[in-house]
Each structure stands twice: as structure tokens, then as C-alpha cells.
PDB file of all heavy atoms in Angstrom:
ATOM      1  N   ILE A   1      81.725 111.347  83.321  1.00  0.00           N
ATOM      2  CA  ILE A   1      80.662 110.636  82.726  1.00  0.00           C
ATOM      3  C   ILE A   1      81.036 109.184  82.444  1.00  0.00           C
ATOM      4  O   ILE A   1      80.208 108.220  82.651  1.00  0.00           O
ATOM      5  CB  ILE A   1      80.192 111.293  81.426  1.00  0.00           C
ATOM      6  CG1 ILE A   1      79.537 112.743  81.827  1.00  0.00           C
ATOM      7  CG2 ILE A   1      79.125 110.518  80.671  1.00  0.00           C
ATOM      8  CD1 ILE A   1      79.211 113.548  80.525  1.00  0.00           C
ATOM      9  N   LYS A   2      82.264 108.953  82.031  1.00  0.00           N
ATOM     10  CA  LYS A   2      82.692 107.686  81.620  1.00  0.00           C
ATOM     11  C   LYS A   2      83.045 106.785  82.825  1.00  0.00           C
ATOM     12  O   LYS A   2      82.727 105.622  82.907  1.00  0.00           O
ATOM     13  CB  LYS A   2      83.949 107.753  80.712  1.00  0.00           C
ATOM     14  CG  LYS A   2      84.436 106.420  80.133  1.00  0.00           C
ATOM     15  CD  LYS A   2      85.546 106.685  79.144  1.00  0.00           C
ATOM     16  CE  LYS A   2      86.115 105.368  78.610  1.00  0.00           C
ATOM     17  NZ  LYS A   2      87.207 105.522  77.581  1.00  0.00           N
ATOM     18  N   TYR A   3      83.675 107.311  83.870  1.00  0.00           N
ATOM     19  CA  TYR A   3      84.259 106.458  84.857  1.00  0.00           C
ATOM     20  C   TYR A   3      83.542 106.766  86.235  1.00  0.00           C
ATOM     21  O   TYR A   3      83.712 105.968  87.237  1.00  0.00           O
ATOM     22  CB  TYR A   3      85.786 106.778  85.161  1.00  0.00           C
ATOM     23  CG  TYR A   3      86.615 106.544  83.957  1.00  0.00           C
ATOM     24  CD1 TYR A   3      87.168 107.513  83.157  1.00  0.00           C
ATOM     25  CD2 TYR A   3      86.788 105.198  83.497  1.00  0.00           C
ATOM     26  CE1 TYR A   3      87.925 107.346  82.164  1.00  0.00           C
ATOM     27  CE2 TYR A   3      87.615 104.972  82.366  1.00  0.00           C
ATOM     28  CZ  TYR A   3      88.175 106.082  81.685  1.00  0.00           C
ATOM     29  OH  TYR A   3      89.019 105.723  80.602  1.00  0.00           O
ATOM     30  N   GLY A   4      82.724 107.825  86.354  1.00  0.00           N
ATOM     31  CA  GLY A   4      82.189 108.166  87.590  1.00  0.00           C
ATOM     32  C   GLY A   4      83.245 108.830  88.458  1.00  0.00           C
ATOM     33  O   GLY A   4      84.238 109.267  88.170  1.00  0.00           O
ATOM     34  N   ILE A   5      82.835 109.064  89.824  1.00  0.00           N
ATOM     35  CA  ILE A   5      83.752 109.713  90.787  1.00  0.00           C
ATOM     36  C   ILE A   5      84.620 108.617  91.349  1.00  0.00           C
ATOM     37  O   ILE A   5      84.249 107.671  92.087  1.00  0.00           O
ATOM     38  CB  ILE A   5      82.952 110.460  91.921  1.00  0.00           C
ATOM     39  CG1 ILE A   5      81.956 111.477  91.341  1.00  0.00           C
ATOM     40  CG2 ILE A   5      83.927 111.088  92.883  1.00  0.00           C
ATOM     41  CD1 ILE A   5      82.771 112.607  90.498  1.00  0.00           C
ATOM     42  N   LEU A   6      85.907 108.861  91.038  1.00  0.00           N
ATOM     43  CA  LEU A   6      87.050 107.828  91.616  1.00  0.00           C
ATOM     44  C   LEU A   6      87.783 108.406  92.744  1.00  0.00           C
ATOM     45  O   LEU A   6      88.651 107.779  93.184  1.00  0.00           O
ATOM     46  CB  LEU A   6      87.905 107.559  90.437  1.00  0.00           C
ATOM     47  CG  LEU A   6      87.302 106.831  89.151  1.00  0.00           C
ATOM     48  CD1 LEU A   6      88.359 106.699  88.157  1.00  0.00           C
ATOM     49  CD2 LEU A   6      86.548 105.603  89.513  1.00  0.00           C
ATOM     50  N   ILE A   7      87.433 109.643  93.189  1.00  0.00           N
ATOM     51  CA  ILE A   7      88.362 110.306  94.170  1.00  0.00           C
ATOM     52  C   ILE A   7      88.128 109.683  95.472  1.00  0.00           C
ATOM     53  O   ILE A   7      87.022 109.634  96.001  1.00  0.00           O
ATOM     54  CB  ILE A   7      87.903 111.853  94.093  1.00  0.00           C
ATOM     55  CG1 ILE A   7      88.291 112.440  92.833  1.00  0.00           C
ATOM     56  CG2 ILE A   7      88.701 112.459  95.298  1.00  0.00           C
ATOM     57  CD1 ILE A   7      87.815 113.859  92.580  1.00  0.00           C
ATOM     58  N   ASP A   8      89.244 109.432  96.112  1.00  0.00           N
ATOM     59  CA  ASP A   8      89.264 109.050  97.567  1.00  0.00           C
ATOM     60  C   ASP A   8      90.133 109.913  98.392  1.00  0.00           C
ATOM     61  O   ASP A   8      91.346 109.723  98.362  1.00  0.00           O
ATOM     62  CB  ASP A   8      89.723 107.558  97.694  1.00  0.00           C
ATOM     63  CG  ASP A   8      89.728 107.050  99.176  1.00  0.00           C
ATOM     64  OD1 ASP A   8      89.160 107.763  99.993  1.00  0.00           O
ATOM     65  OD2 ASP A   8      90.202 105.899  99.404  1.00  0.00           O
ATOM     66  N   PRO A   9      89.668 110.888  99.103  1.00  0.00           N
ATOM     67  CA  PRO A   9      90.534 111.988  99.757  1.00  0.00           C
ATOM     68  C   PRO A   9      91.395 111.436 100.892  1.00  0.00           C
ATOM     69  O   PRO A   9      92.300 112.163 101.171  1.00  0.00           O
ATOM     70  CB  PRO A   9      89.454 112.985 100.295  1.00  0.00           C
ATOM     71  CG  PRO A   9      88.191 112.250 100.350  1.00  0.00           C
ATOM     72  CD  PRO A   9      88.205 111.249  99.288  1.00  0.00           C
ATOM     73  N   VAL A  10      91.071 110.232 101.419  1.00  0.00           N
ATOM     74  CA  VAL A  10      91.888 109.775 102.548  1.00  0.00           C
ATOM     75  C   VAL A  10      92.886 108.766 102.101  1.00  0.00           C
ATOM     76  O   VAL A  10      93.559 108.256 102.937  1.00  0.00           O
ATOM     77  CB  VAL A  10      90.996 109.174 103.578  1.00  0.00           C
ATOM     78  CG1 VAL A  10      89.935 110.188 104.201  1.00  0.00           C
ATOM     79  CG2 VAL A  10      90.313 107.948 102.999  1.00  0.00           C
ATOM     80  N   GLN A  11      93.045 108.620 100.811  1.00  0.00           N
ATOM     81  CA  GLN A  11      93.988 107.551 100.340  1.00  0.00           C
ATOM     82  C   GLN A  11      95.544 107.963 100.656  1.00  0.00           C
ATOM     83  O   GLN A  11      96.251 107.105 100.980  1.00  0.00           O
ATOM     84  CB  GLN A  11      93.812 107.383  98.786  1.00  0.00           C
ATOM     85  CG  GLN A  11      94.773 106.173  98.370  1.00  0.00           C
ATOM     86  CD  GLN A  11      94.386 105.846  96.865  1.00  0.00           C
ATOM     87  OE1 GLN A  11      93.708 106.602  96.171  1.00  0.00           O
ATOM     88  NE2 GLN A  11      94.996 104.769  96.365  1.00  0.00           N
ATOM     89  N   TRP A  12      95.831 109.235 100.601  1.00  0.00           N
ATOM     90  CA  TRP A  12      97.167 109.697 100.924  1.00  0.00           C
ATOM     91  C   TRP A  12      97.510 109.154 102.395  1.00  0.00           C
ATOM     92  O   TRP A  12      98.637 108.760 102.651  1.00  0.00           O
ATOM     93  CB  TRP A  12      97.287 111.215 101.006  1.00  0.00           C
ATOM     94  CG  TRP A  12      97.635 111.912  99.742  1.00  0.00           C
ATOM     95  CD1 TRP A  12      96.936 112.998  99.309  1.00  0.00           C
ATOM     96  CD2 TRP A  12      98.508 111.546  98.704  1.00  0.00           C
ATOM     97  NE1 TRP A  12      97.493 113.430  98.037  1.00  0.00           N
ATOM     98  CE2 TRP A  12      98.478 112.482  97.712  1.00  0.00           C
ATOM     99  CE3 TRP A  12      99.443 110.589  98.602  1.00  0.00           C
ATOM    100  CZ2 TRP A  12      99.245 112.484  96.606  1.00  0.00           C
ATOM    101  CZ3 TRP A  12     100.208 110.474  97.491  1.00  0.00           C
ATOM    102  CH2 TRP A  12     100.213 111.498  96.478  1.00  0.00           C
ATOM    103  N   PHE A  13      96.562 109.284 103.299  1.00  0.00           N
ATOM    104  CA  PHE A  13      96.876 108.931 104.639  1.00  0.00           C
ATOM    105  C   PHE A  13      96.942 107.422 104.883  1.00  0.00           C
ATOM    106  O   PHE A  13      97.701 106.981 105.727  1.00  0.00           O
ATOM    107  CB  PHE A  13      95.796 109.556 105.536  1.00  0.00           C
ATOM    108  CG  PHE A  13      95.741 111.037 105.479  1.00  0.00           C
ATOM    109  CD1 PHE A  13      94.736 111.640 104.716  1.00  0.00           C
ATOM    110  CD2 PHE A  13      96.665 111.973 106.007  1.00  0.00           C
ATOM    111  CE1 PHE A  13      94.604 112.987 104.495  1.00  0.00           C
ATOM    112  CE2 PHE A  13      96.575 113.273 105.908  1.00  0.00           C
ATOM    113  CZ  PHE A  13      95.522 113.826 105.159  1.00  0.00           C
ATOM    114  N   THR A  14      96.085 106.725 104.166  1.00  0.00           N
ATOM    115  CA  THR A  14      96.091 105.275 104.383  1.00  0.00           C
ATOM    116  C   THR A  14      97.379 104.555 103.872  1.00  0.00           C
ATOM    117  O   THR A  14      97.787 103.565 104.309  1.00  0.00           O
ATOM    118  CB  THR A  14      94.931 104.638 103.596  1.00  0.00           C
ATOM    119  OG1 THR A  14      94.911 104.949 102.336  1.00  0.00           O
ATOM    120  CG2 THR A  14      93.547 105.089 104.290  1.00  0.00           C
ATOM    121  N   VAL A  15      97.855 105.218 102.861  1.00  0.00           N
ATOM    122  CA  VAL A  15      99.182 104.772 102.216  1.00  0.00           C
ATOM    123  C   VAL A  15     100.284 104.767 103.290  1.00  0.00           C
ATOM    124  O   VAL A  15     101.074 103.874 103.485  1.00  0.00           O
ATOM    125  CB  VAL A  15      99.542 105.531 101.030  1.00  0.00           C
ATOM    126  CG1 VAL A  15     101.055 105.217 100.585  1.00  0.00           C
ATOM    127  CG2 VAL A  15      98.623 105.229  99.828  1.00  0.00           C
ATOM    128  N   PHE A  16     100.324 105.863 104.108  1.00  0.00           N
ATOM    129  CA  PHE A  16     101.453 106.060 105.093  1.00  0.00           C
ATOM    130  C   PHE A  16     101.145 105.486 106.483  1.00  0.00           C
ATOM    131  O   PHE A  16     101.983 105.078 107.213  1.00  0.00           O
ATOM    132  CB  PHE A  16     101.932 107.445 105.182  1.00  0.00           C
ATOM    133  CG  PHE A  16     102.612 107.991 103.828  1.00  0.00           C
ATOM    134  CD1 PHE A  16     101.844 108.522 102.853  1.00  0.00           C
ATOM    135  CD2 PHE A  16     103.776 107.715 103.631  1.00  0.00           C
ATOM    136  CE1 PHE A  16     102.330 108.951 101.673  1.00  0.00           C
ATOM    137  CE2 PHE A  16     104.456 108.261 102.493  1.00  0.00           C
ATOM    138  CZ  PHE A  16     103.716 108.796 101.497  1.00  0.00           C
ATOM    139  N   LEU A  17      99.786 105.720 106.910  1.00  0.00           N
ATOM    140  CA  LEU A  17      99.388 105.574 108.279  1.00  0.00           C
ATOM    141  C   LEU A  17      98.621 104.210 108.518  1.00  0.00           C
ATOM    142  O   LEU A  17      98.132 104.061 109.653  1.00  0.00           O
ATOM    143  CB  LEU A  17      98.563 106.770 108.707  1.00  0.00           C
ATOM    144  CG  LEU A  17      99.253 108.109 108.614  1.00  0.00           C
ATOM    145  CD1 LEU A  17      98.285 109.217 108.916  1.00  0.00           C
ATOM    146  CD2 LEU A  17     100.613 108.089 109.276  1.00  0.00           C
ATOM    147  N   ASN A  18      98.497 103.319 107.626  1.00  0.00           N
ATOM    148  CA  ASN A  18      97.829 102.080 107.901  1.00  0.00           C
ATOM    149  C   ASN A  18      98.811 101.175 108.690  1.00  0.00           C
ATOM    150  O   ASN A  18      99.921 100.746 108.161  1.00  0.00           O
ATOM    151  CB  ASN A  18      97.467 101.364 106.485  1.00  0.00           C
ATOM    152  CG  ASN A  18      96.674 100.181 106.731  1.00  0.00           C
ATOM    153  OD1 ASN A  18      96.122  99.987 107.893  1.00  0.00           O
ATOM    154  ND2 ASN A  18      96.648  99.303 105.770  1.00  0.00           N
ATOM    155  N   LYS A  19      98.667 101.001 109.968  1.00  0.00           N
ATOM    156  CA  LYS A  19      99.497 100.318 110.867  1.00  0.00           C
ATOM    157  C   LYS A  19     100.990 100.949 110.819  1.00  0.00           C
ATOM    158  O   LYS A  19     101.845 100.380 110.264  1.00  0.00           O
ATOM    159  CB  LYS A  19      99.653  98.803 110.427  1.00  0.00           C
ATOM    160  CG  LYS A  19      98.308  98.002 110.598  1.00  0.00           C
ATOM    161  CD  LYS A  19      98.442  96.596 110.239  1.00  0.00           C
ATOM    162  CE  LYS A  19      97.228  95.824 110.353  1.00  0.00           C
ATOM    163  NZ  LYS A  19      97.326  94.432 109.974  1.00  0.00           N
ATOM    164  N   PRO A  20     100.979 102.164 111.209  1.00  0.00           N
ATOM    165  CA  PRO A  20     102.279 102.810 111.167  1.00  0.00           C
ATOM    166  C   PRO A  20     103.477 102.252 111.746  1.00  0.00           C
ATOM    167  O   PRO A  20     104.590 102.377 111.264  1.00  0.00           O
ATOM    168  CB  PRO A  20     101.917 104.307 111.703  1.00  0.00           C
ATOM    169  CG  PRO A  20     100.772 104.016 112.570  1.00  0.00           C
ATOM    170  CD  PRO A  20      99.948 102.903 111.928  1.00  0.00           C
ATOM    171  N   THR A  21     103.255 101.538 112.915  1.00  0.00           N
ATOM    172  CA  THR A  21     104.329 100.795 113.551  1.00  0.00           C
ATOM    173  C   THR A  21     104.921  99.615 112.795  1.00  0.00           C
ATOM    174  O   THR A  21     106.053  99.234 112.997  1.00  0.00           O
ATOM    175  CB  THR A  21     103.966 100.300 115.042  1.00  0.00           C
ATOM    176  OG1 THR A  21     102.842  99.406 114.819  1.00  0.00           O
ATOM    177  CG2 THR A  21     103.486 101.478 115.854  1.00  0.00           C
ATOM    178  N   GLU A  22     104.110  99.189 111.694  1.00  0.00           N
ATOM    179  CA  GLU A  22     104.490  98.066 110.960  1.00  0.00           C
ATOM    180  C   GLU A  22     104.840  98.495 109.572  1.00  0.00           C
ATOM    181  O   GLU A  22     105.243  97.730 108.768  1.00  0.00           O
ATOM    182  CB  GLU A  22     103.419  97.021 110.851  1.00  0.00           C
ATOM    183  CG  GLU A  22     103.024  96.427 112.255  1.00  0.00           C
ATOM    184  CD  GLU A  22     101.994  95.454 112.199  1.00  0.00           C
ATOM    185  OE1 GLU A  22     101.582  95.049 111.093  1.00  0.00           O
ATOM    186  OE2 GLU A  22     101.384  95.050 113.206  1.00  0.00           O
ATOM    187  N   SER A  23     104.652  99.763 109.345  1.00  0.00           N
ATOM    188  CA  SER A  23     104.820 100.290 107.882  1.00  0.00           C
ATOM    189  C   SER A  23     106.388 100.401 107.634  1.00  0.00           C
ATOM    190  O   SER A  23     107.125 101.250 108.362  1.00  0.00           O
ATOM    191  CB  SER A  23     104.212 101.623 107.618  1.00  0.00           C
ATOM    192  OG  SER A  23     104.477 102.237 106.440  1.00  0.00           O
ATOM    193  N   PRO A  24     106.934  99.821 106.564  1.00  0.00           N
ATOM    194  CA  PRO A  24     108.349 100.023 106.274  1.00  0.00           C
ATOM    195  C   PRO A  24     108.705 101.448 105.949  1.00  0.00           C
ATOM    196  O   PRO A  24     109.828 101.824 106.359  1.00  0.00           O
ATOM    197  CB  PRO A  24     108.471  99.129 105.018  1.00  0.00           C
ATOM    198  CG  PRO A  24     107.370  98.174 105.024  1.00  0.00           C
ATOM    199  CD  PRO A  24     106.227  98.868 105.673  1.00  0.00           C
ATOM    200  N   SER A  25     107.774 102.153 105.329  1.00  0.00           N
ATOM    201  CA  SER A  25     108.171 103.516 105.022  1.00  0.00           C
ATOM    202  C   SER A  25     108.284 104.360 106.259  1.00  0.00           C
ATOM    203  O   SER A  25     109.315 105.265 106.248  1.00  0.00           O
ATOM    204  CB  SER A  25     107.066 104.120 104.112  1.00  0.00           C
ATOM    205  OG  SER A  25     105.789 104.058 104.734  1.00  0.00           O
ATOM    206  N   ILE A  26     107.493 104.235 107.323  1.00  0.00           N
ATOM    207  CA  ILE A  26     107.502 104.925 108.532  1.00  0.00           C
ATOM    208  C   ILE A  26     108.916 104.628 109.270  1.00  0.00           C
ATOM    209  O   ILE A  26     109.587 105.390 109.758  1.00  0.00           O
ATOM    210  CB  ILE A  26     106.368 104.715 109.288  1.00  0.00           C
ATOM    211  CG1 ILE A  26     105.057 105.276 108.743  1.00  0.00           C
ATOM    212  CG2 ILE A  26     106.508 105.438 110.775  1.00  0.00           C
ATOM    213  CD1 ILE A  26     105.060 106.763 108.326  1.00  0.00           C
ATOM    214  N   LEU A  27     109.115 103.203 109.272  1.00  0.00           N
ATOM    215  CA  LEU A  27     110.367 102.814 109.942  1.00  0.00           C
ATOM    216  C   LEU A  27     111.605 103.425 109.208  1.00  0.00           C
ATOM    217  O   LEU A  27     112.592 103.640 109.961  1.00  0.00           O
ATOM    218  CB  LEU A  27     110.459 101.261 109.886  1.00  0.00           C
ATOM    219  CG  LEU A  27     109.314 100.608 110.653  1.00  0.00           C
ATOM    220  CD1 LEU A  27     109.526  99.113 110.513  1.00  0.00           C
ATOM    221  CD2 LEU A  27     109.336 100.953 112.139  1.00  0.00           C
ATOM    222  N   ILE A  28     111.678 103.509 107.910  1.00  0.00           N
ATOM    223  CA  ILE A  28     112.800 104.029 107.208  1.00  0.00           C
ATOM    224  C   ILE A  28     112.997 105.556 107.564  1.00  0.00           C
ATOM    225  O   ILE A  28     114.130 106.035 107.753  1.00  0.00           O
ATOM    226  CB  ILE A  28     112.591 103.866 105.721  1.00  0.00           C
ATOM    227  CG1 ILE A  28     112.695 102.444 105.243  1.00  0.00           C
ATOM    228  CG2 ILE A  28     113.769 104.723 104.995  1.00  0.00           C
ATOM    229  CD1 ILE A  28     112.385 102.210 103.825  1.00  0.00           C
ATOM    230  N   LEU A  29     111.791 106.297 107.694  1.00  0.00           N
ATOM    231  CA  LEU A  29     111.844 107.645 108.044  1.00  0.00           C
ATOM    232  C   LEU A  29     112.419 107.818 109.419  1.00  0.00           C
ATOM    233  O   LEU A  29     113.170 108.773 109.778  1.00  0.00           O
ATOM    234  CB  LEU A  29     110.469 108.297 107.934  1.00  0.00           C
ATOM    235  CG  LEU A  29     109.981 108.616 106.516  1.00  0.00           C
ATOM    236  CD1 LEU A  29     108.522 109.187 106.556  1.00  0.00           C
ATOM    237  CD2 LEU A  29     110.908 109.622 105.809  1.00  0.00           C
ATOM    238  N   LEU A  30     111.893 107.026 110.331  1.00  0.00           N
ATOM    239  CA  LEU A  30     112.506 107.098 111.777  1.00  0.00           C
ATOM    240  C   LEU A  30     113.990 106.767 111.771  1.00  0.00           C
ATOM    241  O   LEU A  30     114.748 107.423 112.543  1.00  0.00           O
ATOM    242  CB  LEU A  30     111.732 106.066 112.629  1.00  0.00           C
ATOM    243  CG  LEU A  30     110.272 106.356 112.963  1.00  0.00           C
ATOM    244  CD1 LEU A  30     109.619 105.252 113.777  1.00  0.00           C
ATOM    245  CD2 LEU A  30     110.082 107.735 113.636  1.00  0.00           C
ATOM    246  N   GLY A  31     114.411 105.836 110.949  1.00  0.00           N
ATOM    247  CA  GLY A  31     115.863 105.538 110.854  1.00  0.00           C
ATOM    248  C   GLY A  31     116.660 106.679 110.398  1.00  0.00           C
ATOM    249  O   GLY A  31     117.833 106.833 110.763  1.00  0.00           O
ATOM    250  N   LEU A  32     116.077 107.462 109.489  1.00  0.00           N
ATOM    251  CA  LEU A  32     116.896 108.652 108.925  1.00  0.00           C
ATOM    252  C   LEU A  32     117.153 109.654 109.928  1.00  0.00           C
ATOM    253  O   LEU A  32     118.158 110.375 109.896  1.00  0.00           O
ATOM    254  CB  LEU A  32     116.018 109.264 107.898  1.00  0.00           C
ATOM    255  CG  LEU A  32     115.976 108.555 106.483  1.00  0.00           C
ATOM    256  CD1 LEU A  32     115.011 109.297 105.499  1.00  0.00           C
ATOM    257  CD2 LEU A  32     117.278 108.239 105.879  1.00  0.00           C
ATOM    258  N   THR A  33     116.336 109.767 110.990  1.00  0.00           N
ATOM    259  CA  THR A  33     116.621 110.783 112.049  1.00  0.00           C
ATOM    260  C   THR A  33     117.807 110.401 112.865  1.00  0.00           C
ATOM    261  O   THR A  33     118.319 111.155 113.664  1.00  0.00           O
ATOM    262  CB  THR A  33     115.416 110.932 112.928  1.00  0.00           C
ATOM    263  OG1 THR A  33     115.026 109.659 113.581  1.00  0.00           O
ATOM    264  CG2 THR A  33     114.206 111.342 112.093  1.00  0.00           C
ATOM    265  N   VAL A  34     118.198 109.122 112.887  1.00  0.00           N
ATOM    266  CA  VAL A  34     119.372 108.716 113.738  1.00  0.00           C
ATOM    267  C   VAL A  34     120.616 108.914 112.950  1.00  0.00           C
ATOM    268  O   VAL A  34     121.721 109.022 113.611  1.00  0.00           O
ATOM    269  CB  VAL A  34     119.230 107.161 114.065  1.00  0.00           C
ATOM    270  CG1 VAL A  34     120.270 106.684 114.875  1.00  0.00           C
ATOM    271  CG2 VAL A  34     117.915 106.938 114.756  1.00  0.00           C
ATOM    272  N   VAL A  35     120.587 108.871 111.660  1.00  0.00           N
ATOM    273  CA  VAL A  35     121.869 108.961 110.856  1.00  0.00           C
ATOM    274  C   VAL A  35     122.696 110.274 111.156  1.00  0.00           C
ATOM    275  O   VAL A  35     123.862 110.201 111.419  1.00  0.00           O
ATOM    276  CB  VAL A  35     121.519 108.915 109.332  1.00  0.00           C
ATOM    277  CG1 VAL A  35     122.824 109.089 108.459  1.00  0.00           C
ATOM    278  CG2 VAL A  35     120.922 107.590 108.940  1.00  0.00           C
ATOM    279  N   PRO A  36     122.040 111.408 111.384  1.00  0.00           N
ATOM    280  CA  PRO A  36     122.913 112.642 111.810  1.00  0.00           C
ATOM    281  C   PRO A  36     123.628 112.508 113.021  1.00  0.00           C
ATOM    282  O   PRO A  36     124.549 113.092 113.215  1.00  0.00           O
ATOM    283  CB  PRO A  36     121.835 113.814 111.848  1.00  0.00           C
ATOM    284  CG  PRO A  36     120.640 113.354 110.858  1.00  0.00           C
ATOM    285  CD  PRO A  36     120.587 111.786 111.056  1.00  0.00           C
ATOM    286  N   LEU A  37     123.059 111.684 113.950  1.00  0.00           N
ATOM    287  CA  LEU A  37     123.785 111.424 115.162  1.00  0.00           C
ATOM    288  C   LEU A  37     125.193 110.683 114.919  1.00  0.00           C
ATOM    289  O   LEU A  37     126.131 111.144 115.500  1.00  0.00           O
ATOM    290  CB  LEU A  37     122.973 110.540 116.108  1.00  0.00           C
ATOM    291  CG  LEU A  37     121.843 111.174 116.798  1.00  0.00           C
ATOM    292  CD1 LEU A  37     121.088 110.108 117.659  1.00  0.00           C
ATOM    293  CD2 LEU A  37     122.247 112.290 117.780  1.00  0.00           C
TER     294      LEU A  37
END
């Protein structure tokens, strides 16, 4: 009643997948897969 509906169900994906090739978080994850080598 006070704030209305604030829910955005796609926000999880926009945080990680907005321009994934330029996202620092995605690049860090890809780098982690090389460390075991």
C-alpha cells in the first residue's frame, strides 16, 4: 500500500547478462576456469 509493486523479476539477469562480453563479473568467472589448469 505504501510503496506499490517494486518487484522486477528480470533484475537478476540484467545484473550479470547486460553486455556479458564487457561485464567484469563474467570475465572474472571465465578467468577462474583457467586457474585449475
